[in-house]
C-alpha cells in the first residue's frame, strides 16, 4: 500500500498546453492570462482531487541546455514563443510561490531532467510512495515504473488521463518504459526535432525493440536485422546514438534540496485570494473561498477522467 502521494508539475509543458488550448483572456488592464488561468486551474483541481503529501513544480530556464550544445538543431523547428505567452511565465512563477509550492530549475537542463532528479530524490527519501508527474506531453514516460505514473492533459485540457506502466507499454507496444528512449532514438521525435533513423517509423521501431530490446543490441546484431531495415540503420548510426542521448532524461542534475521542503499542507487563503483577485480569476475565487480544498477531498478512481476547466 502506498502511504505517501507525491505530485510533480511540469510547469512549462502545462503553461504551453493551456496557452494553446484556451482562447485569449486578459485582465481589465489588458494583461494576457489565459495560460496562467489554465495552469492555476489545473494545479488547484489536482491538489483538490489527489490531496498529495508532497508537491514540487519543475521549470525550464531560458539558457540553452546540454542538448542544444550537442545538437544545434534540437527544438530548432519550434517557433519563438509569442510575446503574450512570454509575459505569463513570471506570473505563473509568482503564483506558484504564493501558493506555497516548492519550485525547481537548473541552468543548462530541461524541466524533464529536473523532474528526473526530483523523482530520484523522492524514491530514495520517501518510502511507500506513489508519484504522479503532471505534464502536457509524454517526454517523461521513461521515468514510469510500478509506483510512478504520468498524468497528461487532453487536447483542450478539459480532461486528463493517468498512464500507468501497463498503459504506456500498450500504447507504444514496448516491453518496459525505458525502451521509450530507444524508441525515440529509432523513429525520432518531431516535436523536439530529434532526427532518429531516416526511414524507421513507429511500427518498425517497436518491432526492432521487441526483437533486440535496445539500440545497442540492435547494432551488436546488425547482421540479424532484416535487410530492408539494416542499411537504414547502418547509414544513420551516428544519428541513432545522438538521438538516444538527446532523448534520455538526465537525473543526476545538480539539484540539492530536502524533501521536507516539498511537504504539502494547505493554502494560505489570506495570501492567495488577493493574488487570484489581482488576475480576476472569479471562478477560482468562488471555488477557493467556498471550501478548504486541502481538506475536502473526494476519492476518485485513478483511471477516471477529471474535468478541469469550467
C-alpha atoms as a PDB file:
ATOM      1  CA  UNK A   1       0.000   0.000   0.000  1.00  0.00           C
ATOM      2  CA  UNK A   2       1.284   3.484  -0.874  1.00  0.00           C
ATOM      3  CA  UNK A   3       1.395   5.755   2.180  1.00  0.00           C
ATOM      4  CA  UNK A   4       2.626   8.976   0.546  1.00  0.00           C
ATOM      5  CA  UNK A   5       1.343  10.609  -2.610  1.00  0.00           C
ATOM      6  CA  UNK A   6       3.726  12.902  -4.488  1.00  0.00           C
ATOM      7  CA  UNK A   7       2.768  15.255  -7.316  1.00  0.00           C
ATOM      8  CA  UNK A   8       5.341  16.875  -9.621  1.00  0.00           C
ATOM      9  CA  UNK A   9       4.142  19.534 -12.070  1.00  0.00           C
ATOM     10  CA  UNK A  10       5.921  20.072 -15.411  1.00  0.00           C
ATOM     11  CA  UNK A  11       5.259  23.818 -15.411  1.00  0.00           C
ATOM     12  CA  UNK A  12       6.369  24.834 -18.898  1.00  0.00           C
ATOM     13  CA  UNK A  13       4.592  21.943 -20.595  1.00  0.00           C
ATOM     14  CA  UNK A  14       1.381  22.794 -18.746  1.00  0.00           C
ATOM     15  CA  UNK A  15       1.669  26.513 -19.472  1.00  0.00           C
ATOM     16  CA  UNK A  16       2.185  25.884 -23.187  1.00  0.00           C
ATOM     17  CA  UNK A  17      -0.702  23.431 -23.303  1.00  0.00           C
ATOM     18  CA  UNK A  18      -3.009  25.884 -21.520  1.00  0.00           C
ATOM     19  CA  UNK A  19      -1.968  28.753 -23.792  1.00  0.00           C
ATOM     20  CA  UNK A  20      -2.759  26.853 -26.982  1.00  0.00           C
ATOM     21  CA  UNK A  21      -5.897  25.195 -25.613  1.00  0.00           C
ATOM     22  CA  UNK A  22      -7.697  28.220 -24.192  1.00  0.00           C
ATOM     23  CA  UNK A  23      -8.990  31.299 -26.005  1.00  0.00           C
ATOM     24  CA  UNK A  24      -7.287  34.661 -25.422  1.00  0.00           C
ATOM     25  CA  UNK A  25      -8.013  36.042 -21.975  1.00  0.00           C
ATOM     26  CA  UNK A  26      -6.858  39.307 -20.435  1.00  0.00           C
ATOM     27  CA  UNK A  27      -7.409  41.211 -17.220  1.00  0.00           C
ATOM     28  CA  UNK A  28      -9.246  44.530 -17.241  1.00  0.00           C
ATOM     29  CA  UNK A  29      -5.786  46.120 -17.517  1.00  0.00           C
ATOM     30  CA  UNK A  30      -5.012  44.144 -20.677  1.00  0.00           C
ATOM     31  CA  UNK A  31      -2.590  41.619 -19.164  1.00  0.00           C
ATOM     32  CA  UNK A  32      -2.724  38.269 -21.053  1.00  0.00           C
ATOM     33  CA  UNK A  33      -3.627  35.496 -18.605  1.00  0.00           C
ATOM     34  CA  UNK A  34      -5.146  32.556 -20.496  1.00  0.00           C
ATOM     35  CA  UNK A  35      -2.114  30.318 -19.851  1.00  0.00           C
ATOM     36  CA  UNK A  36      -1.919  31.496 -16.247  1.00  0.00           C
ATOM     37  CA  UNK A  37      -5.590  30.746 -15.710  1.00  0.00           C
ATOM     38  CA  UNK A  38      -5.298  27.284 -17.243  1.00  0.00           C
ATOM     39  CA  UNK A  39      -2.205  26.438 -15.203  1.00  0.00           C
ATOM     40  CA  UNK A  40      -3.694  27.632 -11.921  1.00  0.00           C
ATOM     41  CA  UNK A  41      -6.961  25.839 -12.603  1.00  0.00           C
ATOM     42  CA  UNK A  42      -5.106  22.588 -13.293  1.00  0.00           C
ATOM     43  CA  UNK A  43      -2.998  22.891 -10.144  1.00  0.00           C
ATOM     44  CA  UNK A  44      -5.933  23.709  -7.875  1.00  0.00           C
ATOM     45  CA  UNK A  45      -8.023  20.846  -9.165  1.00  0.00           C
ATOM     46  CA  UNK A  46      -5.235  18.284  -8.934  1.00  0.00           C
ATOM     47  CA  UNK A  47      -4.430  19.347  -5.388  1.00  0.00           C
ATOM     48  CA  UNK A  48      -8.110  19.094  -4.537  1.00  0.00           C
ATOM     49  CA  UNK A  49      -8.644  15.734  -6.199  1.00  0.00           C
ATOM     50  CA  UNK A  50      -5.413  13.979  -5.241  1.00  0.00           C
ATOM     51  CA  UNK A  51      -4.639  15.516  -1.828  1.00  0.00           C
ATOM     52  CA  UNK A  52      -0.865  14.890  -2.125  1.00  0.00           C
ATOM     53  CA  UNK A  53       1.608  14.738   0.738  1.00  0.00           C
ATOM     54  CA  UNK A  54       4.388  16.346  -1.307  1.00  0.00           C
ATOM     55  CA  UNK A  55       4.285  18.789  -4.226  1.00  0.00           C
ATOM     56  CA  UNK A  56       7.041  20.123  -6.495  1.00  0.00           C
ATOM     57  CA  UNK A  57       6.974  22.303  -9.614  1.00  0.00           C
ATOM     58  CA  UNK A  58       9.700  21.994 -12.285  1.00  0.00           C
ATOM     59  CA  UNK A  59      10.549  24.861 -14.646  1.00  0.00           C
ATOM     60  CA  UNK A  60      12.727  25.233 -17.730  1.00  0.00           C
ATOM     61  CA  UNK A  61      15.264  28.066 -17.874  1.00  0.00           C
ATOM     62  CA  UNK A  62      15.996  30.480 -20.706  1.00  0.00           C
ATOM     63  CA  UNK A  63      19.570  29.297 -21.165  1.00  0.00           C
ATOM     64  CA  UNK A  64      20.487  26.631 -23.746  1.00  0.00           C
ATOM     65  CA  UNK A  65      20.803  23.094 -22.405  1.00  0.00           C
ATOM     66  CA  UNK A  66      23.487  20.486 -22.985  1.00  0.00           C
ATOM     67  CA  UNK A  67      21.214  19.078 -25.692  1.00  0.00           C
ATOM     68  CA  UNK A  68      21.473  22.318 -27.674  1.00  0.00           C
ATOM     69  CA  UNK A  69      25.255  22.121 -27.330  1.00  0.00           C
ATOM     70  CA  UNK A  70      25.317  18.523 -28.610  1.00  0.00           C
ATOM     71  CA  UNK A  71      22.869  19.195 -31.434  1.00  0.00           C
ATOM     72  CA  UNK A  72      22.303  22.757 -32.613  1.00  0.00           C
ATOM     73  CA  UNK A  73      19.067  21.748 -34.355  1.00  0.00           C
ATOM     74  CA  UNK A  74      17.490  20.500 -31.132  1.00  0.00           C
ATOM     75  CA  UNK A  75      13.974  22.018 -30.955  1.00  0.00           C
ATOM     76  CA  UNK A  76      15.013  24.396 -33.747  1.00  0.00           C
ATOM     77  CA  UNK A  77      11.761  23.629 -35.559  1.00  0.00           C
ATOM     78  CA  UNK A  78       9.741  25.400 -32.890  1.00  0.00           C
ATOM     79  CA  UNK A  79       8.693  28.998 -33.493  1.00  0.00           C
ATOM     80  CA  UNK A  80       9.604  31.580 -30.836  1.00  0.00           C
ATOM     81  CA  UNK A  81       7.080  31.931 -28.031  1.00  0.00           C
ATOM     82  CA  UNK A  82       4.597  34.744 -28.703  1.00  0.00           C
ATOM     83  CA  UNK A  83       5.022  37.857 -26.575  1.00  0.00           C
ATOM     84  CA  UNK A  84       1.636  37.349 -24.931  1.00  0.00           C
ATOM     85  CA  UNK A  85       2.840  33.928 -23.750  1.00  0.00           C
ATOM     86  CA  UNK A  86       6.290  35.053 -22.585  1.00  0.00           C
ATOM     87  CA  UNK A  87       4.763  37.612 -20.264  1.00  0.00           C
ATOM     88  CA  UNK A  88       2.822  34.889 -18.458  1.00  0.00           C
ATOM     89  CA  UNK A  89       5.762  32.757 -17.281  1.00  0.00           C
ATOM     90  CA  UNK A  90       6.899  35.105 -14.481  1.00  0.00           C
ATOM     91  CA  UNK A  91       3.277  35.487 -13.395  1.00  0.00           C
ATOM     92  CA  UNK A  92       2.995  31.708 -13.023  1.00  0.00           C
ATOM     93  CA  UNK A  93       6.252  31.570 -11.053  1.00  0.00           C
ATOM     94  CA  UNK A  94       4.992  34.203  -8.651  1.00  0.00           C
ATOM     95  CA  UNK A  95       1.673  32.440  -8.181  1.00  0.00           C
ATOM     96  CA  UNK A  96       3.458  29.121  -7.522  1.00  0.00           C
ATOM     97  CA  UNK A  97       5.420  30.890  -4.792  1.00  0.00           C
ATOM     98  CA  UNK A  98       2.266  32.483  -3.390  1.00  0.00           C
ATOM     99  CA  UNK A  99       0.609  29.068  -3.290  1.00  0.00           C
ATOM    100  CA  UNK A 100       3.456  27.927  -1.082  1.00  0.00           C
ATOM    101  CA  UNK A 101       4.635  25.280  -3.547  1.00  0.00           C
ATOM    102  CA  UNK A 102       8.327  24.462  -3.981  1.00  0.00           C
ATOM    103  CA  UNK A 103       9.691  25.167  -7.459  1.00  0.00           C
ATOM    104  CA  UNK A 104      12.930  23.974  -9.052  1.00  0.00           C
ATOM    105  CA  UNK A 105      15.008  24.825 -12.113  1.00  0.00           C
ATOM    106  CA  UNK A 106      18.635  24.218 -13.075  1.00  0.00           C
ATOM    107  CA  UNK A 107      20.613  26.171 -15.673  1.00  0.00           C
ATOM    108  CA  UNK A 108      21.672  24.008 -18.603  1.00  0.00           C
ATOM    109  CA  UNK A 109      18.988  21.389 -18.025  1.00  0.00           C
ATOM    110  CA  UNK A 110      15.356  20.999 -19.015  1.00  0.00           C
ATOM    111  CA  UNK A 111      12.393  20.632 -16.693  1.00  0.00           C
ATOM    112  CA  UNK A 112      12.293  16.923 -17.625  1.00  0.00           C
ATOM    113  CA  UNK A 113      15.799  16.484 -16.190  1.00  0.00           C
ATOM    114  CA  UNK A 114      14.781  18.349 -13.048  1.00  0.00           C
ATOM    115  CA  UNK A 115      11.756  16.065 -12.779  1.00  0.00           C
ATOM    116  CA  UNK A 116      14.080  13.067 -13.096  1.00  0.00           C
ATOM    117  CA  UNK A 117      16.209  14.394 -10.231  1.00  0.00           C
ATOM    118  CA  UNK A 118      13.129  15.065  -8.108  1.00  0.00           C
ATOM    119  CA  UNK A 119      11.833  11.551  -8.744  1.00  0.00           C
ATOM    120  CA  UNK A 120      15.188  10.045  -7.725  1.00  0.00           C
ATOM    121  CA  UNK A 121      15.241  12.043  -4.511  1.00  0.00           C
ATOM    122  CA  UNK A 122      11.671  11.196  -3.573  1.00  0.00           C
ATOM    123  CA  UNK A 123      12.160   7.494  -4.335  1.00  0.00           C
ATOM    124  CA  UNK A 124      15.186   7.363  -2.034  1.00  0.00           C
ATOM    125  CA  UNK A 125      13.730   9.516   0.734  1.00  0.00           C
ATOM    126  CA  UNK A 126      10.013   8.702   0.930  1.00  0.00           C
ATOM    127  CA  UNK A 127       9.065   5.077   1.497  1.00  0.00           C
ATOM    128  CA  UNK A 128       5.885   3.525   0.124  1.00  0.00           C
ATOM    129  CA  UNK A 129       5.309   6.459  -2.180  1.00  0.00           C
ATOM    130  CA  UNK A 130       3.247   6.915  -5.308  1.00  0.00           C
ATOM    131  CA  UNK A 131       4.480   9.606  -7.692  1.00  0.00           C
ATOM    132  CA  UNK A 132       2.402  11.425 -10.300  1.00  0.00           C
ATOM    133  CA  UNK A 133       4.105  13.556 -12.964  1.00  0.00           C
ATOM    134  CA  UNK A 134       1.601  16.097 -14.270  1.00  0.00           C
ATOM    135  CA  UNK A 135       2.557  17.186 -17.776  1.00  0.00           C
ATOM    136  CA  UNK A 136       1.318  18.208 -21.180  1.00  0.00           C
ATOM    137  CA  UNK A 137       3.313  15.624 -23.144  1.00  0.00           C
ATOM    138  CA  UNK A 138       4.843  12.144 -22.987  1.00  0.00           C
ATOM    139  CA  UNK A 139       8.512  13.130 -22.602  1.00  0.00           C
ATOM    140  CA  UNK A 140       8.723  11.858 -19.013  1.00  0.00           C
ATOM    141  CA  UNK A 141       7.272   8.422 -19.777  1.00  0.00           C
ATOM    142  CA  UNK A 142      10.728   6.844 -19.462  1.00  0.00           C
ATOM    143  CA  UNK A 143      10.533   7.562 -15.706  1.00  0.00           C
ATOM    144  CA  UNK A 144       7.412   5.458 -15.197  1.00  0.00           C
ATOM    145  CA  UNK A 145       7.567   2.309 -13.093  1.00  0.00           C
ATOM    146  CA  UNK A 146       5.223   0.392 -10.801  1.00  0.00           C
ATOM    147  CA  UNK A 147       4.751   3.395  -8.495  1.00  0.00           C
ATOM    148  CA  UNK A 148       5.324   6.311 -10.884  1.00  0.00           C
ATOM    149  CA  UNK A 149       2.545   7.395 -13.237  1.00  0.00           C
ATOM    150  CA  UNK A 150       2.100  10.116 -15.842  1.00  0.00           C
ATOM    151  CA  UNK A 151      -0.838  12.490 -15.542  1.00  0.00           C
ATOM    152  CA  UNK A 152      -1.472  14.006 -19.013  1.00  0.00           C
ATOM    153  CA  UNK A 153      -3.895  16.643 -20.245  1.00  0.00           C
ATOM    154  CA  UNK A 154      -6.372  16.227 -23.054  1.00  0.00           C
ATOM    155  CA  UNK A 155      -6.111  18.335 -26.200  1.00  0.00           C
ATOM    156  CA  UNK A 156      -8.286  21.065 -24.741  1.00  0.00           C
ATOM    157  CA  UNK A 157      -7.090  20.385 -21.169  1.00  0.00           C
ATOM    158  CA  UNK A 158     -10.694  19.667 -20.268  1.00  0.00           C
ATOM    159  CA  UNK A 159      -9.950  16.041 -19.428  1.00  0.00           C
ATOM    160  CA  UNK A 160      -6.947  14.238 -18.085  1.00  0.00           C
ATOM    161  CA  UNK A 161      -5.649  10.693 -18.221  1.00  0.00           C
ATOM    162  CA  UNK A 162      -3.439   8.820 -15.791  1.00  0.00           C
ATOM    163  CA  UNK A 163      -0.964   6.496 -17.521  1.00  0.00           C
ATOM    164  CA  UNK A 164       0.425   3.527 -15.647  1.00  0.00           C
ATOM    165  CA  UNK A 165       3.341   1.357 -16.739  1.00  0.00           C
ATOM    166  CA  UNK A 166       0.911  -1.101 -18.320  1.00  0.00           C
ATOM    167  CA  UNK A 167      -0.983   1.659 -20.149  1.00  0.00           C
ATOM    168  CA  UNK A 168       2.175   3.098 -21.693  1.00  0.00           C
ATOM    169  CA  UNK A 169       3.529  -0.255 -22.795  1.00  0.00           C
ATOM    170  CA  UNK A 170       0.258  -0.983 -24.576  1.00  0.00           C
ATOM    171  CA  UNK A 171       0.254   2.436 -26.243  1.00  0.00           C
ATOM    172  CA  UNK A 172       3.824   2.205 -27.571  1.00  0.00           C
ATOM    173  CA  UNK A 173       3.925  -1.596 -27.957  1.00  0.00           C
ATOM    174  CA  UNK A 174       7.059  -1.852 -25.835  1.00  0.00           C
ATOM    175  CA  UNK A 175       8.230  -4.163 -23.048  1.00  0.00           C
ATOM    176  CA  UNK A 176       9.249  -1.607 -20.408  1.00  0.00           C
ATOM    177  CA  UNK A 177       9.195   2.226 -20.058  1.00  0.00           C
ATOM    178  CA  UNK A 178      12.895   2.933 -20.593  1.00  0.00           C
ATOM    179  CA  UNK A 179      12.590   1.435 -24.078  1.00  0.00           C
ATOM    180  CA  UNK A 180      10.885   4.703 -24.993  1.00  0.00           C
ATOM    181  CA  UNK A 181      14.377   6.221 -25.110  1.00  0.00           C
ATOM    182  CA  UNK A 182      15.435   3.674 -27.739  1.00  0.00           C
ATOM    183  CA  UNK A 183      12.086   4.098 -29.476  1.00  0.00           C
ATOM    184  CA  UNK A 184      12.818   7.820 -29.927  1.00  0.00           C
ATOM    185  CA  UNK A 185      16.381   7.030 -30.965  1.00  0.00           C
ATOM    186  CA  UNK A 186      14.997   4.964 -33.839  1.00  0.00           C
ATOM    187  CA  UNK A 187      11.897   6.819 -35.011  1.00  0.00           C
ATOM    188  CA  UNK A 188      12.952  10.279 -33.794  1.00  0.00           C
ATOM    189  CA  UNK A 189      10.766  12.844 -32.085  1.00  0.00           C
ATOM    190  CA  UNK A 190       9.429  15.547 -34.419  1.00  0.00           C
ATOM    191  CA  UNK A 191       8.198  17.719 -31.546  1.00  0.00           C
ATOM    192  CA  UNK A 192      11.777  18.111 -30.259  1.00  0.00           C
ATOM    193  CA  UNK A 193      13.396  17.845 -33.705  1.00  0.00           C
ATOM    194  CA  UNK A 194      15.242  14.673 -32.699  1.00  0.00           C
ATOM    195  CA  UNK A 195      16.276  13.066 -36.015  1.00  0.00           C
ATOM    196  CA  UNK A 196      16.207   9.329 -35.305  1.00  0.00           C
ATOM    197  CA  UNK A 197      16.954   6.913 -38.157  1.00  0.00           C
ATOM    198  CA  UNK A 198      15.644   8.008 -41.531  1.00  0.00           C
ATOM    199  CA  UNK A 199      13.055   5.561 -42.823  1.00  0.00           C
ATOM    200  CA  UNK A 200      12.309   3.967 -39.427  1.00  0.00           C
ATOM    201  CA  UNK A 201       8.777   4.701 -38.234  1.00  0.00           C
ATOM    202  CA  UNK A 202       6.756   3.869 -35.142  1.00  0.00           C
ATOM    203  CA  UNK A 203       5.821   0.317 -36.145  1.00  0.00           C
ATOM    204  CA  UNK A 204       9.336  -0.645 -37.238  1.00  0.00           C
ATOM    205  CA  UNK A 205      10.866   0.858 -34.097  1.00  0.00           C
ATOM    206  CA  UNK A 206       8.525  -1.221 -31.936  1.00  0.00           C
ATOM    207  CA  UNK A 207       9.326  -4.408 -33.887  1.00  0.00           C
ATOM    208  CA  UNK A 208      13.082  -3.853 -33.632  1.00  0.00           C
ATOM    209  CA  UNK A 209      12.878  -3.250 -29.893  1.00  0.00           C
ATOM    210  CA  UNK A 210      10.688  -6.279 -29.385  1.00  0.00           C
ATOM    211  CA  UNK A 211      13.356  -8.393 -31.076  1.00  0.00           C
ATOM    212  CA  UNK A 212      16.523  -6.725 -29.763  1.00  0.00           C
ATOM    213  CA  UNK A 213      15.482  -4.832 -26.566  1.00  0.00           C
ATOM    214  CA  UNK A 214      17.609  -1.694 -27.076  1.00  0.00           C
ATOM    215  CA  UNK A 215      19.638   0.336 -29.566  1.00  0.00           C
ATOM    216  CA  UNK A 216      22.998  -1.088 -28.541  1.00  0.00           C
ATOM    217  CA  UNK A 217      21.842  -4.684 -29.007  1.00  0.00           C
ATOM    218  CA  UNK A 218      20.377  -3.830 -32.404  1.00  0.00           C
ATOM    219  CA  UNK A 219      23.757  -2.627 -33.652  1.00  0.00           C
ATOM    220  CA  UNK A 220      25.617  -5.503 -31.980  1.00  0.00           C
ATOM    221  CA  UNK A 221      23.406  -7.846 -34.001  1.00  0.00           C
ATOM    222  CA  UNK A 222      23.062  -5.731 -37.129  1.00  0.00           C
ATOM    223  CA  UNK A 223      23.614  -8.777 -39.373  1.00  0.00           C
ATOM    224  CA  UNK A 224      20.477 -10.356 -37.912  1.00  0.00           C
ATOM    225  CA  UNK A 225      18.288  -7.350 -38.698  1.00  0.00           C
ATOM    226  CA  UNK A 226      16.020  -7.661 -41.738  1.00  0.00           C
ATOM    227  CA  UNK A 227      17.819  -6.389 -44.823  1.00  0.00           C
ATOM    228  CA  UNK A 228      15.170  -3.742 -45.564  1.00  0.00           C
ATOM    229  CA  UNK A 229      15.993  -2.061 -42.225  1.00  0.00           C
ATOM    230  CA  UNK A 230      19.681  -2.943 -41.947  1.00  0.00           C
ATOM    231  CA  UNK A 231      21.091  -0.430 -44.410  1.00  0.00           C
ATOM    232  CA  UNK A 232      18.994   2.389 -42.974  1.00  0.00           C
ATOM    233  CA  UNK A 233      20.398   1.644 -39.542  1.00  0.00           C
ATOM    234  CA  UNK A 234      23.960   1.442 -40.860  1.00  0.00           C
ATOM    235  CA  UNK A 235      23.643   4.723 -42.747  1.00  0.00           C
ATOM    236  CA  UNK A 236      22.165   6.607 -39.789  1.00  0.00           C
ATOM    237  CA  UNK A 237      24.115   5.052 -36.919  1.00  0.00           C
ATOM    238  CA  UNK A 238      25.500   8.397 -35.761  1.00  0.00           C
ATOM    239  CA  UNK A 239      22.068   9.993 -35.656  1.00  0.00           C
ATOM    240  CA  UNK A 240      20.639   6.984 -33.843  1.00  0.00           C
ATOM    241  CA  UNK A 241      23.047   7.275 -30.922  1.00  0.00           C
ATOM    242  CA  UNK A 242      22.847  11.065 -30.917  1.00  0.00           C
ATOM    243  CA  UNK A 243      19.065  10.781 -30.767  1.00  0.00           C
ATOM    244  CA  UNK A 244      19.259   8.383 -27.842  1.00  0.00           C
ATOM    245  CA  UNK A 245      21.415  10.845 -25.934  1.00  0.00           C
ATOM    246  CA  UNK A 246      19.028  13.705 -26.700  1.00  0.00           C
ATOM    247  CA  UNK A 247      16.004  11.656 -25.638  1.00  0.00           C
ATOM    248  CA  UNK A 248      17.483  10.465 -22.347  1.00  0.00           C
ATOM    249  CA  UNK A 249      16.400  12.307 -19.213  1.00  0.00           C
ATOM    250  CA  UNK A 250      19.444  13.110 -17.075  1.00  0.00           C
ATOM    251  CA  UNK A 251      18.517  12.523 -13.449  1.00  0.00           C
ATOM    252  CA  UNK A 252      21.848  13.399 -11.798  1.00  0.00           C
ATOM    253  CA  UNK A 253      21.459  17.155 -12.250  1.00  0.00           C
ATOM    254  CA  UNK A 254      22.994  19.460  -9.606  1.00  0.00           C
ATOM    255  CA  UNK A 255      19.827  19.821  -7.555  1.00  0.00           C
ATOM    256  CA  UNK A 256      20.135  19.983  -3.784  1.00  0.00           C
ATOM    257  CA  UNK A 257      17.041  20.053  -1.590  1.00  0.00           C
ATOM    258  CA  UNK A 258      15.352  18.330   1.323  1.00  0.00           C
ATOM    259  CA  UNK A 259      12.106  16.513   0.601  1.00  0.00           C
ATOM    260  CA  UNK A 260      10.505  18.155   3.630  1.00  0.00           C
ATOM    261  CA  UNK A 261      10.683  21.434   1.690  1.00  0.00           C
ATOM    262  CA  UNK A 262       8.055  19.959  -0.623  1.00  0.00           C
ATOM    263  CA  UNK A 263       5.574  18.864   2.031  1.00  0.00           C
ATOM    264  CA  UNK A 264       2.080  19.954   1.132  1.00  0.00           C
ATOM    265  CA  UNK A 265      -0.134  21.192   3.944  1.00  0.00           C
ATOM    266  CA  UNK A 266      -2.734  23.709   2.861  1.00  0.00           C
ATOM    267  CA  UNK A 267      -3.120  27.004   1.062  1.00  0.00           C
ATOM    268  CA  UNK A 268      -2.681  30.276   2.916  1.00  0.00           C
ATOM    269  CA  UNK A 269      -6.036  31.689   1.830  1.00  0.00           C
ATOM    270  CA  UNK A 270      -5.334  35.145   3.178  1.00  0.00           C
ATOM    271  CA  UNK A 271      -2.314  35.309   0.894  1.00  0.00           C
ATOM    272  CA  UNK A 272      -3.596  33.629  -2.259  1.00  0.00           C
ATOM    273  CA  UNK A 273      -7.058  35.167  -2.584  1.00  0.00           C
ATOM    274  CA  UNK A 274      -5.632  38.662  -3.260  1.00  0.00           C
ATOM    275  CA  UNK A 275      -3.418  37.105  -5.961  1.00  0.00           C
ATOM    276  CA  UNK A 276      -6.412  35.483  -7.636  1.00  0.00           C
ATOM    277  CA  UNK A 277      -8.294  38.754  -7.349  1.00  0.00           C
ATOM    278  CA  UNK A 278      -5.403  40.596  -8.998  1.00  0.00           C
ATOM    279  CA  UNK A 279      -5.807  38.492 -12.129  1.00  0.00           C
ATOM    280  CA  UNK A 280      -9.603  38.466 -11.850  1.00  0.00           C
ATOM    281  CA  UNK A 281      -9.971  34.695 -11.609  1.00  0.00           C
ATOM    282  CA  UNK A 282     -13.516  34.966 -10.343  1.00  0.00           C
ATOM    283  CA  UNK A 283     -14.433  31.296 -10.729  1.00  0.00           C
ATOM    284  CA  UNK A 284     -11.294  30.280  -8.828  1.00  0.00           C
ATOM    285  CA  UNK A 285     -12.007  32.798  -6.078  1.00  0.00           C
ATOM    286  CA  UNK A 286     -15.510  31.391  -5.724  1.00  0.00           C
ATOM    287  CA  UNK A 287     -14.172  27.843  -5.573  1.00  0.00           C
ATOM    288  CA  UNK A 288     -11.335  28.752  -3.235  1.00  0.00           C
ATOM    289  CA  UNK A 289     -13.429  30.652  -0.697  1.00  0.00           C
ATOM    290  CA  UNK A 290     -16.247  28.108  -0.757  1.00  0.00           C
ATOM    291  CA  UNK A 291     -14.173  25.381   0.863  1.00  0.00           C
ATOM    292  CA  UNK A 292     -10.696  24.482   2.000  1.00  0.00           C
ATOM    293  CA  UNK A 293      -9.622  22.329  -0.939  1.00  0.00           C
ATOM    294  CA  UNK A 294      -6.738  20.821   1.019  1.00  0.00           C
ATOM    295  CA  UNK A 295      -9.148  19.071   3.393  1.00  0.00           C
ATOM    296  CA  UNK A 296     -12.325  18.273   1.499  1.00  0.00           C
ATOM    297  CA  UNK A 297     -11.182  15.580  -0.853  1.00  0.00           C
ATOM    298  CA  UNK A 298     -13.378  13.159  -2.723  1.00  0.00           C
ATOM    299  CA  UNK A 299     -11.753   9.839  -3.505  1.00  0.00           C
ATOM    300  CA  UNK A 300     -11.664   9.111  -7.218  1.00  0.00           C
ATOM    301  CA  UNK A 301     -10.554   6.125  -9.198  1.00  0.00           C
ATOM    302  CA  UNK A 302      -7.191   6.823 -10.833  1.00  0.00           C
ATOM    303  CA  UNK A 303      -8.445   5.864 -14.257  1.00  0.00           C
ATOM    304  CA  UNK A 304     -11.375   8.276 -14.120  1.00  0.00           C
ATOM    305  CA  UNK A 305     -11.142  11.290 -16.391  1.00  0.00           C
ATOM    306  CA  UNK A 306     -11.455  14.547 -14.490  1.00  0.00           C
ATOM    307  CA  UNK A 307     -12.923  17.781 -15.805  1.00  0.00           C
ATOM    308  CA  UNK A 308     -10.536  20.617 -15.007  1.00  0.00           C
ATOM    309  CA  UNK A 309     -11.743  23.648 -16.930  1.00  0.00           C
ATOM    310  CA  UNK A 310     -15.122  25.077 -16.112  1.00  0.00           C
END
